[in-house]
Amino acid sequence: MSSLHFLAILSPKPDRVARVQEIAESVSNYVKENEPGVLQYQWFRTGTEEKPKIVVWEQYADQAAVDIHKSSSKLAWLVETEEKESNMLEPIEVLPLEPFAGWAPQS
């Protein structure tokens, strides 16, 4: 079975980008240390200063790795933190990706 890919799109409030970056560092460190089934987990900045976007590219070894990530205490913390702090202009959008052309380095 091939790996599973997702793209998460975040729309932080312009004055909350730095806080979202702090959260990203914390979550990323947790995932790296505790979720060996996550093959790639990178956060990227894009957009403009007035309309910032953050994109998270996620790749998982299999559905079990996705399930572990979705049920992790750190992901629950991320959701709770957003509910308390209201850092986003819009809900986080998570899109499953289905590769159909191109190439990637082999691991």
N, C-alpha and C. Protein backbone atom coordinates (compact mmCIF):
# COMPACT_ATOMS: atom_id res chain seq x y z
N MET A 1 0.84 -1.18 0.00
CA MET A 1 0.00 0.00 0.00
C MET A 1 0.88 1.24 0.00
N SER A 2 0.50 2.24 -0.78
CA SER A 2 1.29 3.47 -0.82
C SER A 2 0.93 4.37 0.36
N SER A 3 1.78 5.34 0.59
CA SER A 3 1.58 6.25 1.71
C SER A 3 0.38 7.16 1.45
N LEU A 4 -0.10 7.79 2.51
CA LEU A 4 -1.26 8.68 2.45
C LEU A 4 -0.78 10.12 2.63
N HIS A 5 -1.35 11.01 1.83
CA HIS A 5 -0.94 12.42 1.83
C HIS A 5 -2.12 13.32 2.16
N PHE A 6 -1.83 14.40 2.90
CA PHE A 6 -2.85 15.39 3.23
C PHE A 6 -2.23 16.77 3.15
N LEU A 7 -3.09 17.76 2.91
CA LEU A 7 -2.69 19.15 2.92
C LEU A 7 -3.66 19.87 3.85
N ALA A 8 -3.13 20.49 4.90
CA ALA A 8 -3.96 21.28 5.80
C ALA A 8 -3.72 22.76 5.49
N ILE A 9 -4.81 23.51 5.39
CA ILE A 9 -4.72 24.93 5.06
C ILE A 9 -5.26 25.72 6.25
N LEU A 10 -4.41 26.59 6.77
CA LEU A 10 -4.76 27.42 7.92
C LEU A 10 -4.77 28.88 7.49
N SER A 11 -5.72 29.64 8.03
CA SER A 11 -5.84 31.06 7.75
C SER A 11 -5.74 31.83 9.06
N PRO A 12 -4.52 32.07 9.55
CA PRO A 12 -4.38 32.77 10.83
C PRO A 12 -4.74 34.25 10.70
N LYS A 13 -5.19 34.80 11.80
CA LYS A 13 -5.37 36.25 11.86
C LYS A 13 -3.99 36.88 11.71
N PRO A 14 -3.88 37.98 10.99
CA PRO A 14 -2.56 38.58 10.76
C PRO A 14 -1.75 38.83 12.03
N ASP A 15 -2.42 39.22 13.10
CA ASP A 15 -1.70 39.51 14.34
C ASP A 15 -1.44 38.25 15.17
N ARG A 16 -1.82 37.06 14.66
CA ARG A 16 -1.64 35.81 15.41
C ARG A 16 -0.67 34.84 14.72
N VAL A 17 -0.04 35.28 13.62
CA VAL A 17 0.86 34.40 12.89
C VAL A 17 2.00 33.90 13.77
N ALA A 18 2.61 34.77 14.54
CA ALA A 18 3.72 34.36 15.40
C ALA A 18 3.27 33.29 16.40
N ARG A 19 2.08 33.44 16.95
CA ARG A 19 1.57 32.45 17.90
C ARG A 19 1.32 31.11 17.20
N VAL A 20 0.77 31.16 16.00
CA VAL A 20 0.54 29.93 15.25
C VAL A 20 1.87 29.24 14.94
N GLN A 21 2.91 30.00 14.65
CA GLN A 21 4.23 29.42 14.41
C GLN A 21 4.76 28.75 15.67
N GLU A 22 4.52 29.33 16.84
CA GLU A 22 4.92 28.68 18.11
C GLU A 22 4.19 27.35 18.27
N ILE A 23 2.90 27.35 18.00
CA ILE A 23 2.10 26.13 18.10
C ILE A 23 2.63 25.09 17.12
N ALA A 24 2.95 25.53 15.90
CA ALA A 24 3.47 24.62 14.87
C ALA A 24 4.75 23.94 15.33
N GLU A 25 5.66 24.71 15.92
CA GLU A 25 6.92 24.14 16.42
C GLU A 25 6.65 23.06 17.47
N SER A 26 5.73 23.35 18.38
CA SER A 26 5.41 22.40 19.44
C SER A 26 4.80 21.12 18.88
N VAL A 27 3.84 21.28 17.98
CA VAL A 27 3.19 20.11 17.39
C VAL A 27 4.18 19.32 16.54
N SER A 28 4.97 20.01 15.73
CA SER A 28 5.94 19.33 14.86
C SER A 28 6.95 18.53 15.67
N ASN A 29 7.45 19.11 16.74
CA ASN A 29 8.41 18.40 17.59
C ASN A 29 7.78 17.15 18.19
N TYR A 30 6.53 17.27 18.64
CA TYR A 30 5.83 16.11 19.21
C TYR A 30 5.69 15.00 18.16
N VAL A 31 5.24 15.39 16.97
CA VAL A 31 5.02 14.40 15.90
C VAL A 31 6.34 13.69 15.57
N LYS A 32 7.41 14.45 15.45
CA LYS A 32 8.71 13.85 15.11
C LYS A 32 9.16 12.85 16.18
N GLU A 33 8.94 13.18 17.43
CA GLU A 33 9.41 12.33 18.53
C GLU A 33 8.49 11.15 18.86
N ASN A 34 7.20 11.27 18.53
CA ASN A 34 6.23 10.29 19.02
C ASN A 34 5.42 9.55 17.97
N GLU A 35 5.55 9.94 16.70
CA GLU A 35 4.72 9.32 15.67
C GLU A 35 5.60 8.84 14.51
N PRO A 36 6.22 7.67 14.68
CA PRO A 36 7.14 7.18 13.64
C PRO A 36 6.47 6.88 12.30
N GLY A 37 5.17 6.73 12.27
CA GLY A 37 4.47 6.48 11.02
C GLY A 37 4.23 7.72 10.18
N VAL A 38 4.61 8.88 10.72
CA VAL A 38 4.50 10.12 9.95
C VAL A 38 5.81 10.27 9.16
N LEU A 39 5.70 10.24 7.85
CA LEU A 39 6.88 10.29 6.99
C LEU A 39 7.31 11.72 6.68
N GLN A 40 6.34 12.63 6.65
CA GLN A 40 6.62 14.03 6.37
C GLN A 40 5.57 14.87 7.07
N TYR A 41 6.03 15.96 7.68
CA TYR A 41 5.12 16.85 8.41
C TYR A 41 5.77 18.21 8.41
N GLN A 42 5.48 19.02 7.38
CA GLN A 42 6.12 20.32 7.21
C GLN A 42 5.07 21.43 7.15
N TRP A 43 5.38 22.52 7.84
CA TRP A 43 4.53 23.70 7.86
C TRP A 43 5.20 24.77 6.99
N PHE A 44 4.39 25.42 6.14
CA PHE A 44 4.89 26.46 5.23
C PHE A 44 4.06 27.73 5.39
N ARG A 45 4.74 28.87 5.28
CA ARG A 45 4.05 30.16 5.24
C ARG A 45 3.82 30.54 3.78
N THR A 46 2.67 31.15 3.50
CA THR A 46 2.38 31.68 2.18
C THR A 46 1.36 32.81 2.36
N GLY A 47 0.88 33.34 1.26
CA GLY A 47 -0.08 34.43 1.35
C GLY A 47 0.64 35.77 1.50
N THR A 48 -0.08 36.73 2.03
CA THR A 48 0.46 38.08 2.22
C THR A 48 0.40 38.45 3.70
N GLU A 49 0.97 39.58 4.03
CA GLU A 49 0.93 40.04 5.42
C GLU A 49 -0.51 40.29 5.86
N GLU A 50 -1.32 40.79 4.95
CA GLU A 50 -2.72 41.08 5.27
C GLU A 50 -3.59 39.82 5.26
N LYS A 51 -3.23 38.84 4.43
CA LYS A 51 -3.99 37.59 4.32
C LYS A 51 -3.03 36.41 4.38
N PRO A 52 -2.47 36.18 5.57
CA PRO A 52 -1.51 35.07 5.68
C PRO A 52 -2.20 33.71 5.59
N LYS A 53 -1.46 32.76 5.07
CA LYS A 53 -1.90 31.37 5.03
C LYS A 53 -0.74 30.52 5.53
N ILE A 54 -1.08 29.43 6.12
CA ILE A 54 -0.10 28.42 6.52
C ILE A 54 -0.60 27.10 5.95
N VAL A 55 0.31 26.38 5.32
CA VAL A 55 -0.02 25.10 4.70
C VAL A 55 0.82 24.01 5.37
N VAL A 56 0.18 22.93 5.73
CA VAL A 56 0.88 21.80 6.34
C VAL A 56 0.80 20.63 5.37
N TRP A 57 1.98 20.15 4.96
CA TRP A 57 2.06 18.99 4.06
C TRP A 57 2.34 17.78 4.94
N GLU A 58 1.43 16.82 4.90
CA GLU A 58 1.52 15.65 5.76
C GLU A 58 1.57 14.38 4.91
N GLN A 59 2.45 13.46 5.29
CA GLN A 59 2.53 12.16 4.62
C GLN A 59 2.65 11.09 5.69
N TYR A 60 1.82 10.06 5.56
CA TYR A 60 1.75 8.99 6.55
C TYR A 60 2.04 7.65 5.88
N ALA A 61 2.66 6.75 6.62
CA ALA A 61 3.01 5.43 6.10
C ALA A 61 1.76 4.62 5.74
N ASP A 62 0.71 4.76 6.56
CA ASP A 62 -0.50 3.97 6.35
C ASP A 62 -1.64 4.57 7.16
N GLN A 63 -2.81 3.97 7.05
CA GLN A 63 -3.99 4.48 7.76
C GLN A 63 -3.80 4.41 9.27
N ALA A 64 -3.10 3.42 9.76
CA ALA A 64 -2.86 3.34 11.20
C ALA A 64 -2.10 4.57 11.70
N ALA A 65 -1.13 5.04 10.93
CA ALA A 65 -0.36 6.24 11.30
C ALA A 65 -1.27 7.47 11.31
N VAL A 66 -2.18 7.55 10.35
CA VAL A 66 -3.15 8.66 10.33
C VAL A 66 -4.02 8.61 11.58
N ASP A 67 -4.50 7.42 11.91
CA ASP A 67 -5.37 7.26 13.08
C ASP A 67 -4.65 7.63 14.37
N ILE A 68 -3.38 7.24 14.49
CA ILE A 68 -2.59 7.60 15.67
C ILE A 68 -2.46 9.11 15.76
N HIS A 69 -2.16 9.75 14.63
CA HIS A 69 -2.01 11.21 14.63
C HIS A 69 -3.32 11.90 15.02
N LYS A 70 -4.42 11.46 14.43
CA LYS A 70 -5.71 12.09 14.68
C LYS A 70 -6.16 11.92 16.14
N SER A 71 -5.71 10.86 16.79
CA SER A 71 -6.13 10.61 18.17
C SER A 71 -5.08 11.03 19.20
N SER A 72 -4.01 11.69 18.75
CA SER A 72 -2.93 12.04 19.67
C SER A 72 -3.35 13.16 20.63
N SER A 73 -2.74 13.15 21.79
CA SER A 73 -3.00 14.19 22.78
C SER A 73 -2.54 15.56 22.27
N LYS A 74 -1.50 15.58 21.45
CA LYS A 74 -0.98 16.86 20.94
C LYS A 74 -1.94 17.47 19.93
N LEU A 75 -2.56 16.67 19.10
CA LEU A 75 -3.55 17.21 18.16
C LEU A 75 -4.76 17.71 18.94
N ALA A 76 -5.16 17.00 19.99
CA ALA A 76 -6.25 17.47 20.84
C ALA A 76 -5.88 18.80 21.48
N TRP A 77 -4.63 18.93 21.91
CA TRP A 77 -4.14 20.20 22.49
C TRP A 77 -4.23 21.31 21.46
N LEU A 78 -3.85 21.03 20.21
CA LEU A 78 -3.92 22.04 19.15
C LEU A 78 -5.36 22.53 18.98
N VAL A 79 -6.31 21.62 18.94
CA VAL A 79 -7.72 21.98 18.79
C VAL A 79 -8.19 22.79 20.00
N GLU A 80 -7.86 22.34 21.20
CA GLU A 80 -8.25 23.07 22.41
C GLU A 80 -7.64 24.46 22.45
N THR A 81 -6.38 24.57 22.03
CA THR A 81 -5.70 25.86 22.02
C THR A 81 -6.40 26.81 21.06
N GLU A 82 -6.78 26.31 19.90
CA GLU A 82 -7.50 27.16 18.93
C GLU A 82 -8.84 27.60 19.49
N GLU A 83 -9.55 26.71 20.15
CA GLU A 83 -10.84 27.08 20.73
C GLU A 83 -10.68 28.17 21.78
N LYS A 84 -9.61 28.12 22.57
CA LYS A 84 -9.37 29.11 23.62
C LYS A 84 -8.85 30.43 23.08
N GLU A 85 -7.93 30.35 22.10
CA GLU A 85 -7.22 31.54 21.65
C GLU A 85 -7.80 32.19 20.40
N SER A 86 -8.54 31.45 19.62
CA SER A 86 -9.13 31.96 18.37
C SER A 86 -8.08 32.64 17.49
N ASN A 87 -7.09 31.85 17.09
CA ASN A 87 -6.00 32.36 16.25
C ASN A 87 -6.35 32.41 14.77
N MET A 88 -7.39 31.71 14.36
CA MET A 88 -7.72 31.56 12.94
C MET A 88 -8.89 32.43 12.53
N LEU A 89 -8.86 32.86 11.26
CA LEU A 89 -9.99 33.56 10.67
C LEU A 89 -11.06 32.58 10.20
N GLU A 90 -10.64 31.37 9.83
CA GLU A 90 -11.52 30.34 9.28
C GLU A 90 -11.15 29.00 9.91
N PRO A 91 -12.06 28.04 9.86
CA PRO A 91 -11.70 26.70 10.34
C PRO A 91 -10.55 26.12 9.51
N ILE A 92 -9.75 25.28 10.12
CA ILE A 92 -8.67 24.60 9.42
C ILE A 92 -9.29 23.63 8.42
N GLU A 93 -8.77 23.66 7.20
CA GLU A 93 -9.26 22.77 6.15
C GLU A 93 -8.20 21.69 5.90
N VAL A 94 -8.60 20.43 5.95
CA VAL A 94 -7.69 19.32 5.70
C VAL A 94 -8.17 18.59 4.45
N LEU A 95 -7.28 18.53 3.46
CA LEU A 95 -7.61 17.92 2.18
C LEU A 95 -6.80 16.65 1.97
N PRO A 96 -7.45 15.52 1.71
CA PRO A 96 -6.70 14.32 1.33
C PRO A 96 -6.18 14.52 -0.10
N LEU A 97 -4.97 14.08 -0.36
CA LEU A 97 -4.35 14.23 -1.67
C LEU A 97 -4.18 12.86 -2.31
N GLU A 98 -4.44 12.79 -3.58
CA GLU A 98 -4.27 11.54 -4.32
C GLU A 98 -3.27 11.79 -5.45
N PRO A 99 -2.02 11.33 -5.29
CA PRO A 99 -1.04 11.53 -6.35
C PRO A 99 -1.48 10.84 -7.64
N PHE A 100 -1.27 11.51 -8.77
CA PHE A 100 -1.61 10.89 -10.04
C PHE A 100 -0.56 11.13 -11.11
N ALA A 101 0.39 12.03 -10.88
CA ALA A 101 1.46 12.26 -11.84
C ALA A 101 2.64 12.89 -11.11
N GLY A 102 3.80 12.83 -11.72
CA GLY A 102 4.99 13.42 -11.13
C GLY A 102 5.83 12.38 -10.42
N TRP A 103 6.78 12.85 -9.63
CA TRP A 103 7.69 11.96 -8.93
C TRP A 103 8.11 12.58 -7.61
N ALA A 104 8.63 11.75 -6.75
CA ALA A 104 9.15 12.16 -5.45
C ALA A 104 10.36 11.30 -5.14
N PRO A 105 11.26 11.79 -4.33
CA PRO A 105 12.41 10.96 -3.94
C PRO A 105 11.93 9.68 -3.25
N GLN A 106 12.61 8.60 -3.48
CA GLN A 106 12.29 7.34 -2.82
C GLN A 106 12.98 7.28 -1.47
N SER A 107 12.24 6.89 -0.44
CA SER A 107 12.85 6.80 0.89
C SER A 107 13.32 5.41 1.19
